Amino acid sequence: MKKLFILGSTRGLGKEILKLAINEDFEISCLVRDPQKVQKNKNLKIFKGDATNINDLRNSLGDSDYIISSLNVMRKNIFPWSKITNSKNTVSDSIKNIIKISNERKIYRIISVSAIGVGESINEIPYWFKLLINKSNIKFPYIDHLRQEEELKNSKLDWTILRPAALVNFGRFYEVLESYNNNPKVNLFINRKSLAKYILKILDSKAHYGKIFSISKK
């Protein structure tokens, strides 16, 4: 049974990834700040801590075969100007720790979830959203996602970086669309459960090693 380590499993996309992975052939570990937010399961080890703390990460990562990170710089609520509730370097500091420990333990495969609009994909989002990013606290996750992308690109890991369109909760499972430099054109949204299913599907896909692309509903 392959060993899967998940970061960001208490909410949003990470929660969907964990929900699906539990029903597949994995031994799963997750590192969370509040273990009460994760339902116990015989195939799941829950560790309390923070991925920005390298010792917490060392104690929980073990000898995993795969790492999935859906960490983010969080706001108090969906209001664009609401207060940031964790470190503005959460994603990049965590990925630095992951890279260091992964190199020590020879754990190579990682999928990290970024966001459409990061880096050159800024050209794939409408002008009003670019303006909103620049003028609100939404900019902080984007700044940090770019930092973590650069860290991964300069690492020796077998990384894949996904830049999803707007994440939603509605709709059935469906096929997803991979877009490179907006080709084919990115659609407006993707639901979390379809993206979660896709992420688990490409864990062993060498064709996706070293790739950064946007992803949306097909």
N, C-alpha and C. Protein backbone atom coordinates (compact mmCIF):
# COMPACT_ATOMS: atom_id res chain seq x y z
N MET A 1 0.84 -1.19 0.00
CA MET A 1 0.00 0.00 0.00
C MET A 1 0.88 1.25 0.00
N LYS A 2 0.65 2.15 -0.97
CA LYS A 2 1.45 3.37 -1.08
C LYS A 2 1.07 4.37 0.03
N LYS A 3 2.06 5.18 0.42
CA LYS A 3 1.87 6.11 1.52
C LYS A 3 1.72 7.53 0.99
N LEU A 4 0.63 8.17 1.39
CA LEU A 4 0.28 9.50 0.90
C LEU A 4 0.25 10.49 2.06
N PHE A 5 0.91 11.63 1.87
CA PHE A 5 0.93 12.70 2.88
C PHE A 5 0.19 13.90 2.32
N ILE A 6 -0.78 14.42 3.08
CA ILE A 6 -1.62 15.52 2.61
C ILE A 6 -1.48 16.72 3.54
N LEU A 7 -1.25 17.88 2.95
CA LEU A 7 -1.26 19.15 3.68
C LEU A 7 -2.46 19.97 3.23
N GLY A 8 -3.19 20.52 4.19
CA GLY A 8 -4.37 21.32 3.87
C GLY A 8 -5.65 20.53 3.89
N SER A 9 -5.70 19.47 4.71
CA SER A 9 -6.79 18.50 4.63
C SER A 9 -8.02 18.83 5.47
N THR A 10 -8.05 19.98 6.13
CA THR A 10 -9.19 20.29 7.00
C THR A 10 -10.25 21.15 6.32
N ARG A 11 -9.97 21.60 5.10
CA ARG A 11 -10.95 22.48 4.45
C ARG A 11 -10.79 22.44 2.94
N GLY A 12 -11.85 22.84 2.25
CA GLY A 12 -11.80 23.04 0.81
C GLY A 12 -11.31 21.85 0.02
N LEU A 13 -10.40 22.11 -0.90
CA LEU A 13 -9.88 21.08 -1.79
C LEU A 13 -9.19 19.96 -1.03
N GLY A 14 -8.37 20.31 -0.05
CA GLY A 14 -7.66 19.29 0.71
C GLY A 14 -8.59 18.31 1.39
N LYS A 15 -9.71 18.80 1.86
CA LYS A 15 -10.72 17.95 2.51
C LYS A 15 -11.30 16.97 1.50
N GLU A 16 -11.53 17.43 0.28
CA GLU A 16 -12.04 16.55 -0.78
C GLU A 16 -11.01 15.50 -1.17
N ILE A 17 -9.75 15.90 -1.24
CA ILE A 17 -8.68 14.95 -1.56
C ILE A 17 -8.64 13.84 -0.51
N LEU A 18 -8.68 14.23 0.75
CA LEU A 18 -8.66 13.25 1.83
C LEU A 18 -9.86 12.33 1.77
N LYS A 19 -11.03 12.88 1.51
CA LYS A 19 -12.27 12.10 1.45
C LYS A 19 -12.17 11.00 0.38
N LEU A 20 -11.63 11.35 -0.79
CA LEU A 20 -11.50 10.38 -1.87
C LEU A 20 -10.37 9.39 -1.61
N ALA A 21 -9.26 9.89 -1.09
CA ALA A 21 -8.09 9.03 -0.86
C ALA A 21 -8.37 7.95 0.17
N ILE A 22 -9.20 8.26 1.16
CA ILE A 22 -9.56 7.29 2.20
C ILE A 22 -10.16 6.03 1.60
N ASN A 23 -10.87 6.19 0.49
CA ASN A 23 -11.55 5.06 -0.15
C ASN A 23 -10.69 4.38 -1.21
N GLU A 24 -9.44 4.80 -1.32
CA GLU A 24 -8.51 4.16 -2.26
C GLU A 24 -7.42 3.45 -1.47
N ASP A 25 -6.49 2.86 -2.20
CA ASP A 25 -5.50 1.98 -1.58
C ASP A 25 -4.28 2.78 -1.10
N PHE A 26 -4.47 3.61 -0.08
CA PHE A 26 -3.39 4.42 0.47
C PHE A 26 -3.32 4.28 1.99
N GLU A 27 -2.11 4.38 2.51
CA GLU A 27 -1.92 4.71 3.91
C GLU A 27 -1.70 6.22 3.94
N ILE A 28 -2.53 6.93 4.67
CA ILE A 28 -2.53 8.39 4.60
C ILE A 28 -2.08 9.00 5.92
N SER A 29 -1.27 10.04 5.80
CA SER A 29 -0.91 10.87 6.95
C SER A 29 -1.25 12.31 6.62
N CYS A 30 -1.69 13.06 7.62
CA CYS A 30 -1.93 14.48 7.41
C CYS A 30 -1.46 15.27 8.63
N LEU A 31 -0.97 16.46 8.36
CA LEU A 31 -0.52 17.37 9.41
C LEU A 31 -1.50 18.53 9.47
N VAL A 32 -2.15 18.71 10.62
CA VAL A 32 -3.18 19.74 10.75
C VAL A 32 -2.99 20.51 12.06
N ARG A 33 -3.47 21.73 12.07
CA ARG A 33 -3.39 22.52 13.30
C ARG A 33 -4.47 22.11 14.30
N ASP A 34 -5.60 21.62 13.79
CA ASP A 34 -6.71 21.22 14.66
C ASP A 34 -7.18 19.81 14.29
N PRO A 35 -6.67 18.77 14.96
CA PRO A 35 -7.05 17.38 14.65
C PRO A 35 -8.54 17.10 14.78
N GLN A 36 -9.26 17.90 15.56
CA GLN A 36 -10.70 17.69 15.73
C GLN A 36 -11.47 17.91 14.42
N LYS A 37 -10.84 18.57 13.46
CA LYS A 37 -11.50 18.84 12.19
C LYS A 37 -11.36 17.70 11.19
N VAL A 38 -10.64 16.64 11.57
CA VAL A 38 -10.43 15.51 10.68
C VAL A 38 -11.07 14.26 11.27
N GLN A 39 -11.88 13.59 10.47
CA GLN A 39 -12.54 12.38 10.94
C GLN A 39 -11.55 11.22 10.97
N LYS A 40 -11.53 10.47 12.06
CA LYS A 40 -10.60 9.35 12.22
C LYS A 40 -10.95 8.22 11.27
N ASN A 41 -9.90 7.48 10.85
CA ASN A 41 -10.07 6.34 9.96
C ASN A 41 -8.88 5.40 10.17
N LYS A 42 -9.09 4.11 9.99
CA LYS A 42 -8.03 3.13 10.24
C LYS A 42 -6.84 3.32 9.30
N ASN A 43 -7.06 3.91 8.13
CA ASN A 43 -5.97 4.12 7.17
C ASN A 43 -5.38 5.53 7.25
N LEU A 44 -5.72 6.26 8.31
CA LEU A 44 -5.30 7.65 8.43
C LEU A 44 -4.57 7.91 9.74
N LYS A 45 -3.38 8.51 9.62
CA LYS A 45 -2.65 9.00 10.80
C LYS A 45 -2.74 10.52 10.81
N ILE A 46 -3.21 11.05 11.93
CA ILE A 46 -3.40 12.49 12.06
C ILE A 46 -2.35 13.06 13.01
N PHE A 47 -1.59 14.04 12.52
CA PHE A 47 -0.56 14.69 13.33
C PHE A 47 -0.94 16.15 13.54
N LYS A 48 -0.75 16.61 14.76
CA LYS A 48 -1.03 18.01 15.08
C LYS A 48 0.24 18.84 14.90
N GLY A 49 0.11 19.96 14.20
CA GLY A 49 1.26 20.82 14.01
C GLY A 49 1.06 21.76 12.84
N ASP A 50 2.15 22.33 12.37
CA ASP A 50 2.13 23.34 11.32
C ASP A 50 3.29 23.06 10.37
N ALA A 51 3.00 23.06 9.08
CA ALA A 51 4.03 22.73 8.09
C ALA A 51 5.12 23.79 8.00
N THR A 52 4.89 24.97 8.55
CA THR A 52 5.95 25.98 8.58
C THR A 52 6.97 25.68 9.67
N ASN A 53 6.65 24.73 10.54
CA ASN A 53 7.57 24.28 11.59
C ASN A 53 8.23 22.99 11.11
N ILE A 54 9.51 23.04 10.82
CA ILE A 54 10.17 21.89 10.20
C ILE A 54 10.15 20.65 11.09
N ASN A 55 10.16 20.83 12.40
CA ASN A 55 10.10 19.67 13.29
C ASN A 55 8.74 18.99 13.25
N ASP A 56 7.66 19.78 13.16
CA ASP A 56 6.33 19.19 13.00
C ASP A 56 6.25 18.39 11.71
N LEU A 57 6.87 18.93 10.67
CA LEU A 57 6.85 18.25 9.38
C LEU A 57 7.69 16.97 9.42
N ARG A 58 8.84 17.02 10.04
CA ARG A 58 9.69 15.83 10.17
C ARG A 58 8.93 14.71 10.89
N ASN A 59 8.19 15.06 11.93
CA ASN A 59 7.50 14.06 12.74
C ASN A 59 6.31 13.43 12.03
N SER A 60 5.81 14.08 11.01
CA SER A 60 4.59 13.60 10.36
C SER A 60 4.79 13.05 8.96
N LEU A 61 5.82 13.49 8.26
CA LEU A 61 6.01 13.11 6.86
C LEU A 61 6.41 11.65 6.70
N GLY A 62 7.18 11.13 7.65
CA GLY A 62 7.57 9.72 7.60
C GLY A 62 8.29 9.37 6.32
N ASP A 63 7.97 8.18 5.78
CA ASP A 63 8.59 7.73 4.52
C ASP A 63 7.53 7.67 3.42
N SER A 64 6.77 8.74 3.32
CA SER A 64 5.68 8.81 2.34
C SER A 64 6.20 8.63 0.92
N ASP A 65 5.33 8.11 0.06
CA ASP A 65 5.65 7.98 -1.37
C ASP A 65 5.22 9.22 -2.15
N TYR A 66 4.15 9.86 -1.68
CA TYR A 66 3.61 11.02 -2.38
C TYR A 66 3.28 12.13 -1.37
N ILE A 67 3.40 13.37 -1.84
CA ILE A 67 2.97 14.53 -1.05
C ILE A 67 2.00 15.34 -1.89
N ILE A 68 0.88 15.71 -1.29
CA ILE A 68 -0.06 16.65 -1.93
C ILE A 68 -0.22 17.83 -1.00
N SER A 69 -0.02 19.03 -1.54
CA SER A 69 -0.19 20.24 -0.73
C SER A 69 -1.25 21.15 -1.35
N SER A 70 -2.26 21.47 -0.56
CA SER A 70 -3.25 22.47 -0.98
C SER A 70 -3.28 23.62 0.03
N LEU A 71 -2.13 23.88 0.63
CA LEU A 71 -2.02 24.97 1.61
C LEU A 71 -2.25 26.33 0.95
N ASN A 72 -2.68 27.28 1.77
CA ASN A 72 -2.93 28.61 1.24
C ASN A 72 -2.70 29.65 2.34
N VAL A 73 -2.53 30.89 1.91
CA VAL A 73 -2.58 32.02 2.83
C VAL A 73 -4.06 32.36 3.00
N MET A 74 -4.56 32.26 4.22
CA MET A 74 -6.00 32.30 4.45
C MET A 74 -6.48 33.67 4.92
N ARG A 75 -7.71 34.00 4.51
CA ARG A 75 -8.40 35.18 5.02
C ARG A 75 -9.49 34.75 6.00
N LYS A 76 -9.92 35.66 6.84
CA LYS A 76 -10.94 35.36 7.85
C LYS A 76 -12.25 34.92 7.21
N ASN A 77 -12.59 35.51 6.06
CA ASN A 77 -13.79 35.12 5.31
C ASN A 77 -13.56 35.44 3.84
N ILE A 78 -14.61 35.28 3.03
CA ILE A 78 -14.43 35.43 1.58
C ILE A 78 -14.32 36.89 1.15
N PHE A 79 -14.63 37.84 2.02
CA PHE A 79 -14.50 39.26 1.69
C PHE A 79 -13.04 39.55 1.33
N PRO A 80 -12.77 40.11 0.13
CA PRO A 80 -11.39 40.27 -0.35
C PRO A 80 -10.47 41.06 0.57
N TRP A 81 -11.04 41.95 1.40
CA TRP A 81 -10.21 42.77 2.28
C TRP A 81 -10.20 42.25 3.72
N SER A 82 -10.74 41.06 3.93
CA SER A 82 -10.76 40.52 5.29
C SER A 82 -9.34 40.17 5.76
N LYS A 83 -9.19 40.08 7.05
CA LYS A 83 -7.88 39.92 7.69
C LYS A 83 -7.23 38.58 7.32
N ILE A 84 -5.92 38.60 7.09
CA ILE A 84 -5.15 37.37 6.89
C ILE A 84 -5.01 36.67 8.23
N THR A 85 -5.30 35.37 8.26
CA THR A 85 -5.35 34.65 9.55
C THR A 85 -4.16 33.73 9.80
N ASN A 86 -3.28 33.57 8.83
CA ASN A 86 -2.04 32.83 9.07
C ASN A 86 -0.88 33.61 8.46
N SER A 87 0.29 33.04 8.47
CA SER A 87 1.45 33.75 7.94
C SER A 87 1.31 34.01 6.45
N LYS A 88 1.76 35.18 6.01
CA LYS A 88 1.74 35.50 4.58
C LYS A 88 2.78 34.70 3.80
N ASN A 89 3.60 33.93 4.53
CA ASN A 89 4.60 33.06 3.90
C ASN A 89 4.28 31.58 4.14
N THR A 90 3.05 31.28 4.52
CA THR A 90 2.70 29.91 4.87
C THR A 90 3.06 28.91 3.78
N VAL A 91 2.69 29.20 2.56
CA VAL A 91 2.88 28.24 1.46
C VAL A 91 4.36 28.08 1.13
N SER A 92 5.07 29.19 0.98
CA SER A 92 6.49 29.10 0.59
C SER A 92 7.36 28.56 1.71
N ASP A 93 7.10 28.96 2.95
CA ASP A 93 7.88 28.41 4.07
C ASP A 93 7.66 26.91 4.20
N SER A 94 6.42 26.48 4.01
CA SER A 94 6.12 25.04 4.10
C SER A 94 6.81 24.27 2.99
N ILE A 95 6.81 24.81 1.78
CA ILE A 95 7.41 24.09 0.66
C ILE A 95 8.93 24.01 0.83
N LYS A 96 9.55 25.03 1.41
CA LYS A 96 10.99 24.96 1.70
C LYS A 96 11.28 23.81 2.65
N ASN A 97 10.45 23.66 3.67
CA ASN A 97 10.63 22.56 4.62
C ASN A 97 10.41 21.21 3.95
N ILE A 98 9.39 21.14 3.11
CA ILE A 98 9.10 19.89 2.39
C ILE A 98 10.28 19.49 1.52
N ILE A 99 10.82 20.44 0.78
CA ILE A 99 11.94 20.15 -0.11
C ILE A 99 13.14 19.65 0.68
N LYS A 100 13.44 20.30 1.77
CA LYS A 100 14.59 19.89 2.60
C LYS A 100 14.42 18.47 3.12
N ILE A 101 13.27 18.17 3.70
CA ILE A 101 13.05 16.84 4.28
C ILE A 101 12.93 15.79 3.18
N SER A 102 12.28 16.14 2.08
CA SER A 102 12.13 15.19 0.97
C SER A 102 13.48 14.79 0.40
N ASN A 103 14.39 15.73 0.29
CA ASN A 103 15.73 15.41 -0.19
C ASN A 103 16.45 14.47 0.78
N GLU A 104 16.27 14.70 2.07
CA GLU A 104 16.91 13.85 3.08
C GLU A 104 16.36 12.43 3.03
N ARG A 105 15.06 12.31 2.80
CA ARG A 105 14.40 10.99 2.88
C ARG A 105 14.11 10.37 1.53
N LYS A 106 14.55 11.04 0.47
CA LYS A 106 14.36 10.53 -0.89
C LYS A 106 12.87 10.33 -1.21
N ILE A 107 12.08 11.33 -0.84
CA ILE A 107 10.68 11.40 -1.24
C ILE A 107 10.61 12.41 -2.38
N TYR A 108 10.23 11.96 -3.56
CA TYR A 108 10.37 12.83 -4.72
C TYR A 108 9.06 13.38 -5.29
N ARG A 109 7.98 12.62 -5.20
CA ARG A 109 6.76 13.02 -5.90
C ARG A 109 5.91 13.98 -5.07
N ILE A 110 5.63 15.15 -5.62
CA ILE A 110 4.78 16.13 -4.96
C ILE A 110 3.88 16.82 -5.98
N ILE A 111 2.63 16.99 -5.61
CA ILE A 111 1.69 17.81 -6.37
C ILE A 111 1.30 18.98 -5.48
N SER A 112 1.49 20.18 -5.99
CA SER A 112 1.17 21.38 -5.21
C SER A 112 0.12 22.20 -5.95
N VAL A 113 -0.87 22.66 -5.22
CA VAL A 113 -1.96 23.43 -5.80
C VAL A 113 -1.67 24.92 -5.63
N SER A 114 -1.57 25.62 -6.74
CA SER A 114 -1.33 27.06 -6.76
C SER A 114 -2.66 27.74 -7.12
N ALA A 115 -2.66 28.67 -8.05
CA ALA A 115 -3.90 29.35 -8.44
C ALA A 115 -3.74 29.97 -9.82
N ILE A 116 -4.81 29.96 -10.58
CA ILE A 116 -4.77 30.65 -11.87
C ILE A 116 -4.60 32.15 -11.61
N GLY A 117 -3.72 32.76 -12.38
CA GLY A 117 -3.37 34.16 -12.16
C GLY A 117 -1.99 34.33 -11.57
N VAL A 118 -1.40 33.22 -11.11
CA VAL A 118 -0.03 33.26 -10.58
C VAL A 118 0.95 33.22 -11.76
N GLY A 119 2.02 34.00 -11.66
CA GLY A 119 3.04 33.99 -12.71
C GLY A 119 2.48 34.44 -14.04
N GLU A 120 2.90 33.76 -15.12
CA GLU A 120 2.47 34.15 -16.46
C GLU A 120 0.98 33.91 -16.69
N SER A 121 0.34 33.11 -15.83
CA SER A 121 -1.10 32.87 -16.01
C SER A 121 -1.94 34.08 -15.61
N ILE A 122 -1.29 35.17 -15.19
CA ILE A 122 -2.01 36.42 -14.94
C ILE A 122 -2.75 36.86 -16.20
N ASN A 123 -2.23 36.45 -17.37
CA ASN A 123 -2.85 36.81 -18.65
C ASN A 123 -4.11 35.99 -18.94
N GLU A 124 -4.39 34.99 -18.10
CA GLU A 124 -5.55 34.13 -18.32
C GLU A 124 -6.77 34.58 -17.52
N ILE A 125 -6.62 35.62 -16.72
CA ILE A 125 -7.75 36.08 -15.90
C ILE A 125 -8.20 37.46 -16.38
N PRO A 126 -9.49 37.79 -16.17
CA PRO A 126 -9.99 39.08 -16.65
C PRO A 126 -9.39 40.27 -15.90
N TYR A 127 -9.48 41.43 -16.54
CA TYR A 127 -8.87 42.64 -15.99
C TYR A 127 -9.41 42.98 -14.61
N TRP A 128 -10.72 42.82 -14.42
CA TRP A 128 -11.32 43.19 -13.13
C TRP A 128 -10.75 42.35 -12.00
N PHE A 129 -10.43 41.07 -12.31
CA PHE A 129 -9.88 40.21 -11.27
C PHE A 129 -8.43 40.57 -10.98
N LYS A 130 -7.69 40.94 -12.00
CA LYS A 130 -6.32 41.43 -11.79
C LYS A 130 -6.34 42.63 -10.85
N LEU A 131 -7.28 43.54 -11.10
CA LEU A 131 -7.40 44.74 -10.28
C LEU A 131 -7.75 44.39 -8.84
N LEU A 132 -8.68 43.43 -8.68
CA LEU A 132 -9.09 43.01 -7.34
C LEU A 132 -7.92 42.40 -6.58
N ILE A 133 -7.13 41.59 -7.26
CA ILE A 133 -5.95 40.99 -6.62
C ILE A 133 -5.01 42.08 -6.11
N ASN A 134 -4.73 43.05 -6.98
CA ASN A 134 -3.76 44.10 -6.64
C ASN A 134 -4.23 45.01 -5.51
N LYS A 135 -5.55 45.22 -5.42
CA LYS A 135 -6.09 46.20 -4.48
C LYS A 135 -6.61 45.60 -3.17
N SER A 136 -6.54 44.28 -3.02
CA SER A 136 -7.13 43.65 -1.83
C SER A 136 -6.15 42.65 -1.21
N ASN A 137 -6.58 42.01 -0.15
CA ASN A 137 -5.75 41.00 0.51
C ASN A 137 -5.65 39.69 -0.26
N ILE A 138 -6.36 39.60 -1.37
CA ILE A 138 -6.22 38.43 -2.23
C ILE A 138 -4.79 38.34 -2.77
N LYS A 139 -4.11 39.49 -2.85
CA LYS A 139 -2.76 39.49 -3.42
C LYS A 139 -1.78 38.64 -2.62
N PHE A 140 -2.00 38.51 -1.31
CA PHE A 140 -1.02 37.81 -0.49
C PHE A 140 -0.90 36.31 -0.81
N PRO A 141 -2.01 35.59 -1.02
CA PRO A 141 -1.86 34.21 -1.48
C PRO A 141 -1.14 34.12 -2.83
N TYR A 142 -1.44 35.05 -3.73
CA TYR A 142 -0.82 35.01 -5.05
C TYR A 142 0.69 35.24 -4.97
N ILE A 143 1.08 36.18 -4.15
CA ILE A 143 2.51 36.45 -3.96
C ILE A 143 3.21 35.21 -3.41
N ASP A 144 2.58 34.56 -2.43
CA ASP A 144 3.22 33.41 -1.80
C ASP A 144 3.19 32.18 -2.69
N HIS A 145 2.13 32.01 -3.46
CA HIS A 145 2.10 30.89 -4.40
C HIS A 145 3.22 31.01 -5.43
N LEU A 146 3.49 32.22 -5.88
CA LEU A 146 4.58 32.42 -6.84
C LEU A 146 5.91 32.04 -6.20
N ARG A 147 6.11 32.41 -4.95
CA ARG A 147 7.35 32.04 -4.26
C ARG A 147 7.49 30.53 -4.17
N GLN A 148 6.39 29.84 -3.82
CA GLN A 148 6.49 28.39 -3.69
C GLN A 148 6.69 27.72 -5.04
N GLU A 149 6.12 28.28 -6.10
CA GLU A 149 6.36 27.73 -7.44
C GLU A 149 7.85 27.81 -7.79
N GLU A 150 8.47 28.93 -7.48
CA GLU A 150 9.90 29.09 -7.77
C GLU A 150 10.74 28.11 -6.96
N GLU A 151 10.37 27.91 -5.71
CA GLU A 151 11.08 26.93 -4.87
C GLU A 151 11.00 25.54 -5.48
N LEU A 152 9.82 25.14 -5.91
CA LEU A 152 9.65 23.81 -6.49
C LEU A 152 10.40 23.68 -7.81
N LYS A 153 10.31 24.71 -8.65
CA LYS A 153 10.99 24.65 -9.95
C LYS A 153 12.51 24.50 -9.80
N ASN A 154 13.05 25.04 -8.73
CA ASN A 154 14.49 24.96 -8.49
C ASN A 154 14.90 23.74 -7.68
N SER A 155 13.93 22.90 -7.36
CA SER A 155 14.21 21.69 -6.58
C SER A 155 14.48 20.50 -7.49
N LYS A 156 14.87 19.39 -6.88
CA LYS A 156 15.10 18.15 -7.63
C LYS A 156 13.94 17.18 -7.48
N LEU A 157 12.82 17.67 -6.98
CA LEU A 157 11.65 16.81 -6.79
C LEU A 157 10.91 16.59 -8.11
N ASP A 158 10.10 15.54 -8.14
CA ASP A 158 9.23 15.27 -9.29
C ASP A 158 7.91 16.00 -9.05
N TRP A 159 7.93 17.30 -9.30
CA TRP A 159 6.80 18.14 -8.93
C TRP A 159 5.83 18.34 -10.08
N THR A 160 4.59 18.59 -9.71
CA THR A 160 3.57 19.10 -10.62
C THR A 160 2.88 20.25 -9.91
N ILE A 161 2.73 21.37 -10.60
CA ILE A 161 2.06 22.54 -10.02
C ILE A 161 0.78 22.79 -10.80
N LEU A 162 -0.34 22.77 -10.09
CA LEU A 162 -1.65 22.99 -10.70
C LEU A 162 -2.15 24.38 -10.36
N ARG A 163 -2.67 25.07 -11.37
CA ARG A 163 -3.27 26.39 -11.17
C ARG A 163 -4.75 26.32 -11.51
N PRO A 164 -5.58 25.95 -10.53
CA PRO A 164 -7.00 25.78 -10.83
C PRO A 164 -7.73 27.10 -11.07
N ALA A 165 -8.78 27.01 -11.91
CA ALA A 165 -9.72 28.12 -12.06
C ALA A 165 -10.51 28.25 -10.76
N ALA A 166 -11.53 29.09 -10.75
CA ALA A 166 -12.32 29.31 -9.53
C ALA A 166 -12.85 27.98 -9.00
N LEU A 167 -12.58 27.70 -7.73
CA LEU A 167 -12.99 26.44 -7.12
C LEU A 167 -14.40 26.57 -6.56
N VAL A 168 -15.25 25.61 -6.93
CA VAL A 168 -16.64 25.61 -6.48
C VAL A 168 -16.97 24.25 -5.88
N ASN A 169 -18.11 24.17 -5.20
CA ASN A 169 -18.52 22.92 -4.56
C ASN A 169 -19.66 22.22 -5.28
N PHE A 170 -20.30 22.88 -6.24
CA PHE A 170 -21.48 22.29 -6.87
C PHE A 170 -21.10 21.44 -8.08
N GLY A 171 -22.04 20.56 -8.46
CA GLY A 171 -21.87 19.77 -9.67
C GLY A 171 -21.37 18.36 -9.42
N ARG A 172 -21.55 17.51 -10.42
CA ARG A 172 -21.13 16.11 -10.36
C ARG A 172 -19.63 16.01 -10.66
N PHE A 173 -19.12 14.78 -10.64
CA PHE A 173 -17.76 14.55 -11.12
C PHE A 173 -17.73 14.76 -12.63
N TYR A 174 -16.68 15.38 -13.14
CA TYR A 174 -16.55 15.54 -14.58
C TYR A 174 -15.07 15.56 -14.96
N GLU A 175 -14.82 15.47 -16.27
CA GLU A 175 -13.46 15.52 -16.79
C GLU A 175 -12.91 16.94 -16.64
N VAL A 176 -11.60 17.04 -16.50
CA VAL A 176 -10.97 18.35 -16.34
C VAL A 176 -10.14 18.70 -17.57
N LEU A 177 -9.86 19.98 -17.71
CA LEU A 177 -9.14 20.50 -18.87
C LEU A 177 -7.78 21.03 -18.44
N GLU A 178 -6.72 20.48 -19.00
CA GLU A 178 -5.37 20.99 -18.77
C GLU A 178 -5.08 22.07 -19.81
N SER A 179 -4.63 23.23 -19.35
CA SER A 179 -4.34 24.34 -20.27
C SER A 179 -2.92 24.85 -20.04
N TYR A 180 -2.17 24.91 -21.13
CA TYR A 180 -0.80 25.42 -21.08
C TYR A 180 -0.76 26.74 -21.84
N ASN A 181 -0.40 27.83 -21.13
CA ASN A 181 -0.40 29.16 -21.74
C ASN A 181 -1.75 29.49 -22.38
N ASN A 182 -2.81 29.12 -21.66
CA ASN A 182 -4.20 29.37 -22.06
C ASN A 182 -4.59 28.64 -23.34
N ASN A 183 -3.94 27.51 -23.60
CA ASN A 183 -4.25 26.68 -24.75
C ASN A 183 -4.47 25.23 -24.30
N PRO A 184 -5.73 24.75 -24.38
CA PRO A 184 -6.95 25.47 -24.79
C PRO A 184 -7.36 26.50 -23.74
N LYS A 185 -8.27 27.37 -24.15
CA LYS A 185 -8.70 28.46 -23.26
C LYS A 185 -9.28 27.90 -21.97
N VAL A 186 -8.86 28.49 -20.87
CA VAL A 186 -9.30 28.05 -19.55
C VAL A 186 -10.77 28.40 -19.34
N ASN A 187 -11.54 27.47 -18.78
CA ASN A 187 -12.92 27.75 -18.41
C ASN A 187 -12.97 28.46 -17.06
N LEU A 188 -14.15 28.92 -16.68
CA LEU A 188 -14.28 29.80 -15.52
C LEU A 188 -14.07 29.12 -14.18
N PHE A 189 -14.41 27.82 -14.08
CA PHE A 189 -14.39 27.19 -12.76
C PHE A 189 -14.08 25.70 -12.87
N ILE A 190 -13.89 25.10 -11.71
CA ILE A 190 -13.75 23.65 -11.58
C ILE A 190 -14.24 23.29 -10.19
N ASN A 191 -14.97 22.17 -10.07
CA ASN A 191 -15.40 21.83 -8.71
C ASN A 191 -14.31 21.04 -7.99
N ARG A 192 -14.35 21.15 -6.69
CA ARG A 192 -13.27 20.60 -5.86
C ARG A 192 -13.17 19.09 -5.96
N LYS A 193 -14.31 18.40 -6.01
CA LYS A 193 -14.24 16.94 -6.02
C LYS A 193 -13.66 16.41 -7.33
N SER A 194 -13.94 17.08 -8.45
CA SER A 194 -13.37 16.65 -9.73
C SER A 194 -11.87 16.90 -9.76
N LEU A 195 -11.45 18.03 -9.21
CA LEU A 195 -10.01 18.32 -9.13
C LEU A 195 -9.32 17.34 -8.20
N ALA A 196 -9.95 17.03 -7.07
CA ALA A 196 -9.37 16.07 -6.13
C ALA A 196 -9.17 14.71 -6.78
N LYS A 197 -10.17 14.26 -7.52
CA LYS A 197 -10.09 12.97 -8.22
C LYS A 197 -8.96 12.98 -9.24
N TYR A 198 -8.83 14.07 -9.96
CA TYR A 198 -7.78 14.22 -10.96
C TYR A 198 -6.40 14.18 -10.31
N ILE A 199 -6.24 14.88 -9.20
CA ILE A 199 -4.94 14.91 -8.51
C ILE A 199 -4.49 13.51 -8.12
N LEU A 200 -5.40 12.73 -7.56
CA LEU A 200 -5.05 11.35 -7.18
C LEU A 200 -4.72 10.52 -8.41
N LYS A 201 -5.40 10.80 -9.51
CA LYS A 201 -5.20 10.05 -10.76
C LYS A 201 -3.79 10.25 -11.33
N ILE A 202 -3.23 11.46 -11.18
CA ILE A 202 -1.93 11.74 -11.82
C ILE A 202 -0.74 11.57 -10.88
N LEU A 203 -0.96 11.01 -9.70
CA LEU A 203 0.16 10.84 -8.77
C LEU A 203 1.32 10.08 -9.39
N ASP A 204 1.02 9.05 -10.16
CA ASP A 204 2.07 8.22 -10.77
C ASP A 204 2.38 8.60 -12.21
N SER A 205 1.83 9.70 -12.68
CA SER A 205 1.99 10.08 -14.08
C SER A 205 3.30 10.83 -14.31
N LYS A 206 4.28 10.14 -14.87
CA LYS A 206 5.56 10.78 -15.16
C LYS A 206 5.43 11.87 -16.22
N ALA A 207 4.38 11.77 -17.04
CA ALA A 207 4.14 12.79 -18.07
C ALA A 207 3.85 14.15 -17.46
N HIS A 208 3.47 14.17 -16.19
CA HIS A 208 3.15 15.43 -15.52
C HIS A 208 4.28 15.94 -14.63
N TYR A 209 5.39 15.22 -14.58
CA TYR A 209 6.52 15.68 -13.78
C TYR A 209 7.07 16.98 -14.38
N GLY A 210 7.37 17.95 -13.52
CA GLY A 210 7.96 19.19 -14.00
C GLY A 210 7.04 20.07 -14.82
N LYS A 211 5.74 19.89 -14.67
CA LYS A 211 4.77 20.65 -15.46
C LYS A 211 3.99 21.63 -14.56
N ILE A 212 3.77 22.82 -15.10
CA ILE A 212 2.90 23.83 -14.48
C ILE A 212 1.80 24.14 -15.48
N PHE A 213 0.55 24.04 -15.06
CA PHE A 213 -0.53 24.33 -15.99
C PHE A 213 -1.80 24.72 -15.24
N SER A 214 -2.66 25.41 -15.96
CA SER A 214 -3.96 25.78 -15.43
C SER A 214 -4.92 24.62 -15.64
N ILE A 215 -5.92 24.53 -14.78
CA ILE A 215 -6.86 23.41 -14.86
C ILE A 215 -8.26 23.90 -14.54
N SER A 216 -9.22 23.44 -15.36
CA SER A 216 -10.60 23.90 -15.21
C SER A 216 -11.54 22.80 -15.68
N LYS A 217 -12.83 23.07 -15.62
CA LYS A 217 -13.84 22.12 -16.10
C LYS A 217 -13.70 21.95 -17.60
N LYS A 218 -13.78 20.70 -18.06
CA LYS A 218 -13.66 20.42 -19.50
C LYS A 218 -14.97 20.73 -20.21
